[in-house]
């Protein structure tokens, strides 16, 4: 029975930490643009002179 008194506060603390991390990431702009990183890999990289990188 005493395990419940230890595990319940630990579970609540972990849940509160997860919610706080999610709110922090949302306010920091982590989830603002979810499309661009997925499309970025489709385009060739070019250097400052406009040339593609050498293999």
PDB file of N, CA and C in Angstrom:
ATOM      1  N   UNK A   1       0.819  -1.194   0.000  1.00  0.00           N
ATOM      2  CA  UNK A   1       0.000   0.000   0.000  1.00  0.00           C
ATOM      3  C   UNK A   1       0.864   1.260   0.000  1.00  0.00           C
ATOM      4  N   UNK A   2       2.029   1.211   0.612  1.00  0.00           N
ATOM      5  CA  UNK A   2       2.870   2.401   0.686  1.00  0.00           C
ATOM      6  C   UNK A   2       3.475   2.756  -0.678  1.00  0.00           C
ATOM      7  N   UNK A   3       3.509   1.803  -1.597  1.00  0.00           N
ATOM      8  CA  UNK A   3       4.039   2.084  -2.930  1.00  0.00           C
ATOM      9  C   UNK A   3       3.145   3.095  -3.648  1.00  0.00           C
ATOM     10  N   UNK A   4       1.854   3.035  -3.393  1.00  0.00           N
ATOM     11  CA  UNK A   4       0.913   3.969  -4.009  1.00  0.00           C
ATOM     12  C   UNK A   4       1.227   5.398  -3.578  1.00  0.00           C
ATOM     13  N   UNK A   5       1.629   5.578  -2.346  1.00  0.00           N
ATOM     14  CA  UNK A   5       1.923   6.912  -1.848  1.00  0.00           C
ATOM     15  C   UNK A   5       3.217   7.474  -2.433  1.00  0.00           C
ATOM     16  N   UNK A   6       4.033   6.624  -2.967  1.00  0.00           N
ATOM     17  CA  UNK A   6       5.263   7.074  -3.624  1.00  0.00           C
ATOM     18  C   UNK A   6       5.044   7.246  -5.116  1.00  0.00           C
ATOM     19  N   UNK A   7       4.386   6.298  -5.741  1.00  0.00           N
ATOM     20  CA  UNK A   7       4.236   6.308  -7.194  1.00  0.00           C
ATOM     21  C   UNK A   7       3.242   7.355  -7.693  1.00  0.00           C
ATOM     22  N   UNK A   8       2.202   7.641  -6.944  1.00  0.00           N
ATOM     23  CA  UNK A   8       1.226   8.646  -7.380  1.00  0.00           C
ATOM     24  C   UNK A   8       1.861  10.029  -7.496  1.00  0.00           C
ATOM     25  N   UNK A   9       2.595  10.519  -6.515  1.00  0.00           N
ATOM     26  CA  UNK A   9       3.248  11.824  -6.703  1.00  0.00           C
ATOM     27  C   UNK A   9       4.315  11.811  -7.795  1.00  0.00           C
ATOM     28  N   UNK A  10       5.017  10.710  -7.936  1.00  0.00           N
ATOM     29  CA  UNK A  10       6.023  10.617  -8.999  1.00  0.00           C
ATOM     30  C   UNK A  10       5.346  10.689 -10.370  1.00  0.00           C
ATOM     31  N   UNK A  11       4.236   9.995 -10.533  1.00  0.00           N
ATOM     32  CA  UNK A  11       3.501  10.027 -11.800  1.00  0.00           C
ATOM     33  C   UNK A  11       2.957  11.425 -12.078  1.00  0.00           C
ATOM     34  N   UNK A  12       2.441  12.076 -11.064  1.00  0.00           N
ATOM     35  CA  UNK A  12       1.942  13.442 -11.246  1.00  0.00           C
ATOM     36  C   UNK A  12       3.067  14.411 -11.588  1.00  0.00           C
ATOM     37  N   UNK A  13       4.213  14.227 -10.983  1.00  0.00           N
ATOM     38  CA  UNK A  13       5.365  15.071 -11.293  1.00  0.00           C
ATOM     39  C   UNK A  13       5.838  14.871 -12.728  1.00  0.00           C
ATOM     40  N   UNK A  14       5.888  13.637 -13.177  1.00  0.00           N
ATOM     41  CA  UNK A  14       6.279  13.356 -14.563  1.00  0.00           C
ATOM     42  C   UNK A  14       5.274  13.930 -15.557  1.00  0.00           C
ATOM     43  N   UNK A  15       3.996  13.795 -15.261  1.00  0.00           N
ATOM     44  CA  UNK A  15       2.969  14.345 -16.141  1.00  0.00           C
ATOM     45  C   UNK A  15       3.051  15.864 -16.191  1.00  0.00           C
ATOM     46  N   UNK A  16       3.257  16.503 -15.052  1.00  0.00           N
ATOM     47  CA  UNK A  16       3.384  17.958 -15.019  1.00  0.00           C
ATOM     48  C   UNK A  16       4.622  18.427 -15.778  1.00  0.00           C
ATOM     49  N   UNK A  17       5.703  17.665 -15.679  1.00  0.00           N
ATOM     50  CA  UNK A  17       6.920  17.999 -16.424  1.00  0.00           C
ATOM     51  C   UNK A  17       6.688  17.901 -17.931  1.00  0.00           C
ATOM     52  N   UNK A  18       5.988  16.869 -18.359  1.00  0.00           N
ATOM     53  CA  UNK A  18       5.693  16.704 -19.787  1.00  0.00           C
ATOM     54  C   UNK A  18       4.805  17.835 -20.296  1.00  0.00           C
ATOM     55  N   UNK A  19       3.810  18.214 -19.533  1.00  0.00           N
ATOM     56  CA  UNK A  19       2.926  19.312 -19.941  1.00  0.00           C
ATOM     57  C   UNK A  19       3.703  20.622 -19.983  1.00  0.00           C
ATOM     58  N   UNK A  20       4.552  20.859 -19.006  1.00  0.00           N
ATOM     59  CA  UNK A  20       5.358  22.082 -18.993  1.00  0.00           C
ATOM     60  C   UNK A  20       6.321  22.127 -20.180  1.00  0.00           C
ATOM     61  N   UNK A  21       6.929  20.999 -20.520  1.00  0.00           N
ATOM     62  CA  UNK A  21       7.833  20.952 -21.683  1.00  0.00           C
ATOM     63  C   UNK A  21       7.078  21.210 -22.978  1.00  0.00           C
ATOM     64  N   UNK A  22       5.872  20.682 -23.091  1.00  0.00           N
ATOM     65  CA  UNK A  22       5.065  20.915 -24.291  1.00  0.00           C
ATOM     66  C   UNK A  22       4.680  22.384 -24.413  1.00  0.00           C
ATOM     67  N   UNK A  23       4.254  22.997 -23.310  1.00  0.00           N
ATOM     68  CA  UNK A  23       3.883  24.411 -23.339  1.00  0.00           C
ATOM     69  C   UNK A  23       5.094  25.274 -23.669  1.00  0.00           C
ATOM     70  N   UNK A  24       6.241  24.937 -23.093  1.00  0.00           N
ATOM     71  CA  UNK A  24       7.463  25.688 -23.377  1.00  0.00           C
ATOM     72  C   UNK A  24       7.844  25.590 -24.859  1.00  0.00           C
ATOM     73  N   UNK A  25       7.772  24.388 -25.426  1.00  0.00           N
ATOM     74  CA  UNK A  25       8.116  24.206 -26.840  1.00  0.00           C
ATOM     75  C   UNK A  25       7.125  24.919 -27.747  1.00  0.00           C
ATOM     76  N   UNK A  26       5.865  24.934 -27.373  1.00  0.00           N
ATOM     77  CA  UNK A  26       4.861  25.611 -28.184  1.00  0.00           C
ATOM     78  C   UNK A  26       5.073  27.120 -28.166  1.00  0.00           C
ATOM     79  N   UNK A  27       5.343  27.678 -27.008  1.00  0.00           N
ATOM     80  CA  UNK A  27       5.583  29.119 -26.918  1.00  0.00           C
ATOM     81  C   UNK A  27       6.894  29.527 -27.580  1.00  0.00           C
ATOM     82  N   UNK A  28       7.853  28.614 -27.627  1.00  0.00           N
ATOM     83  CA  UNK A  28       9.152  28.898 -28.227  1.00  0.00           C
ATOM     84  C   UNK A  28       9.108  28.809 -29.751  1.00  0.00           C
ATOM     85  N   UNK A  29       7.990  28.334 -30.318  1.00  0.00           N
ATOM     86  CA  UNK A  29       7.843  28.270 -31.765  1.00  0.00           C
ATOM     87  C   UNK A  29       8.314  26.962 -32.371  1.00  0.00           C
ATOM     88  N   UNK A  30       8.440  25.922 -31.586  1.00  0.00           N
ATOM     89  CA  UNK A  30       8.948  24.643 -32.069  1.00  0.00           C
ATOM     90  C   UNK A  30       8.024  24.024 -33.118  1.00  0.00           C
ATOM     91  N   UNK A  31       6.734  24.272 -33.017  1.00  0.00           N
ATOM     92  CA  UNK A  31       5.769  23.621 -33.898  1.00  0.00           C
ATOM     93  C   UNK A  31       5.180  24.578 -34.929  1.00  0.00           C
ATOM     94  N   UNK A  32       5.824  25.722 -35.164  1.00  0.00           N
ATOM     95  CA  UNK A  32       5.277  26.702 -36.094  1.00  0.00           C
ATOM     96  C   UNK A  32       5.286  26.219 -37.539  1.00  0.00           C
ATOM     97  N   UNK A  33       6.380  25.674 -37.999  1.00  0.00           N
ATOM     98  CA  UNK A  33       6.498  25.262 -39.398  1.00  0.00           C
ATOM     99  C   UNK A  33       6.882  23.795 -39.454  1.00  0.00           C
ATOM    100  N   UNK A  34       5.916  22.954 -39.777  1.00  0.00           N
ATOM    101  CA  UNK A  34       6.195  21.520 -39.833  1.00  0.00           C
ATOM    102  C   UNK A  34       6.396  21.020 -41.258  1.00  0.00           C
ATOM    103  N   UNK A  35       6.125  21.850 -42.265  1.00  0.00           N
ATOM    104  CA  UNK A  35       6.230  21.416 -43.656  1.00  0.00           C
ATOM    105  C   UNK A  35       7.604  21.669 -44.264  1.00  0.00           C
ATOM    106  N   UNK A  36       8.230  22.795 -43.974  1.00  0.00           N
ATOM    107  CA  UNK A  36       9.486  23.172 -44.619  1.00  0.00           C
ATOM    108  C   UNK A  36      10.613  22.173 -44.382  1.00  0.00           C
ATOM    109  N   UNK A  37      10.845  21.676 -43.176  1.00  0.00           N
ATOM    110  CA  UNK A  37      11.939  20.718 -43.008  1.00  0.00           C
ATOM    111  C   UNK A  37      11.762  19.447 -43.841  1.00  0.00           C
ATOM    112  N   UNK A  38      10.539  19.028 -44.040  1.00  0.00           N
ATOM    113  CA  UNK A  38      10.307  17.827 -44.853  1.00  0.00           C
ATOM    114  C   UNK A  38      10.572  18.092 -46.328  1.00  0.00           C
ATOM    115  N   UNK A  39      10.322  19.314 -46.795  1.00  0.00           N
ATOM    116  CA  UNK A  39      10.535  19.641 -48.203  1.00  0.00           C
ATOM    117  C   UNK A  39      11.963  20.064 -48.498  1.00  0.00           C
ATOM    118  N   UNK A  40      12.692  20.483 -47.483  1.00  0.00           N
ATOM    119  CA  UNK A  40      14.048  20.994 -47.676  1.00  0.00           C
ATOM    120  C   UNK A  40      14.975  19.935 -48.265  1.00  0.00           C
ATOM    121  N   UNK A  41      14.753  18.661 -47.926  1.00  0.00           N
ATOM    122  CA  UNK A  41      15.644  17.622 -48.428  1.00  0.00           C
ATOM    123  C   UNK A  41      15.443  17.352 -49.918  1.00  0.00           C
ATOM    124  N   UNK A  42      14.370  17.859 -50.501  1.00  0.00           N
ATOM    125  CA  UNK A  42      14.111  17.620 -51.911  1.00  0.00           C
ATOM    126  C   UNK A  42      14.875  18.566 -52.828  1.00  0.00           C
ATOM    127  N   UNK A  43      15.368  19.664 -52.308  1.00  0.00           N
ATOM    128  CA  UNK A  43      16.049  20.658 -53.120  1.00  0.00           C
ATOM    129  C   UNK A  43      17.557  20.486 -53.030  1.00  0.00           C
ATOM    130  N   UNK A  44      18.237  20.723 -54.157  1.00  0.00           N
ATOM    131  CA  UNK A  44      19.692  20.651 -54.181  1.00  0.00           C
ATOM    132  C   UNK A  44      20.285  21.839 -53.442  1.00  0.00           C
ATOM    133  N   UNK A  45      21.371  21.588 -52.751  1.00  0.00           N
ATOM    134  CA  UNK A  45      22.073  22.674 -52.075  1.00  0.00           C
ATOM    135  C   UNK A  45      22.985  23.364 -53.079  1.00  0.00           C
ATOM    136  N   UNK A  46      23.130  24.674 -52.929  1.00  0.00           N
ATOM    137  CA  UNK A  46      24.054  25.427 -53.767  1.00  0.00           C
ATOM    138  C   UNK A  46      24.949  26.248 -52.857  1.00  0.00           C
ATOM    139  N   UNK A  47      26.186  26.510 -53.328  1.00  0.00           N
ATOM    140  CA  UNK A  47      27.090  27.319 -52.524  1.00  0.00           C
ATOM    141  C   UNK A  47      26.870  28.799 -52.826  1.00  0.00           C
ATOM    142  N   UNK A  48      27.752  29.659 -52.327  1.00  0.00           N
ATOM    143  CA  UNK A  48      27.562  31.101 -52.472  1.00  0.00           C
ATOM    144  C   UNK A  48      27.690  31.574 -53.907  1.00  0.00           C
ATOM    145  N   UNK A  49      28.405  30.822 -54.749  1.00  0.00           N
ATOM    146  CA  UNK A  49      28.552  31.192 -56.149  1.00  0.00           C
ATOM    147  C   UNK A  49      27.440  30.613 -57.010  1.00  0.00           C
ATOM    148  N   UNK A  50      26.515  29.870 -56.424  1.00  0.00           N
ATOM    149  CA  UNK A  50      25.409  29.304 -57.177  1.00  0.00           C
ATOM    150  C   UNK A  50      25.724  27.943 -57.774  1.00  0.00           C
ATOM    151  N   UNK A  51      26.829  27.336 -57.362  1.00  0.00           N
ATOM    152  CA  UNK A  51      27.232  26.038 -57.889  1.00  0.00           C
ATOM    153  C   UNK A  51      26.828  24.922 -56.928  1.00  0.00           C
ATOM    154  N   UNK A  52      26.402  23.774 -57.465  1.00  0.00           N
ATOM    155  CA  UNK A  52      26.096  22.656 -56.566  1.00  0.00           C
ATOM    156  C   UNK A  52      27.387  22.141 -55.930  1.00  0.00           C
ATOM    157  N   UNK A  53      27.288  21.518 -54.755  1.00  0.00           N
ATOM    158  CA  UNK A  53      28.499  21.024 -54.092  1.00  0.00           C
ATOM    159  C   UNK A  53      29.146  19.897 -54.871  1.00  0.00           C
ATOM    160  N   UNK A  54      30.460  19.799 -54.765  1.00  0.00           N
ATOM    161  CA  UNK A  54      31.216  18.735 -55.459  1.00  0.00           C
ATOM    162  C   UNK A  54      31.056  17.425 -54.678  1.00  0.00           C
ATOM    163  N   UNK A  55      30.873  16.317 -55.391  1.00  0.00           N
ATOM    164  CA  UNK A  55      30.720  15.020 -54.688  1.00  0.00           C
ATOM    165  C   UNK A  55      31.987  14.512 -54.096  1.00  0.00           C
TER     166      UNK A  55
END
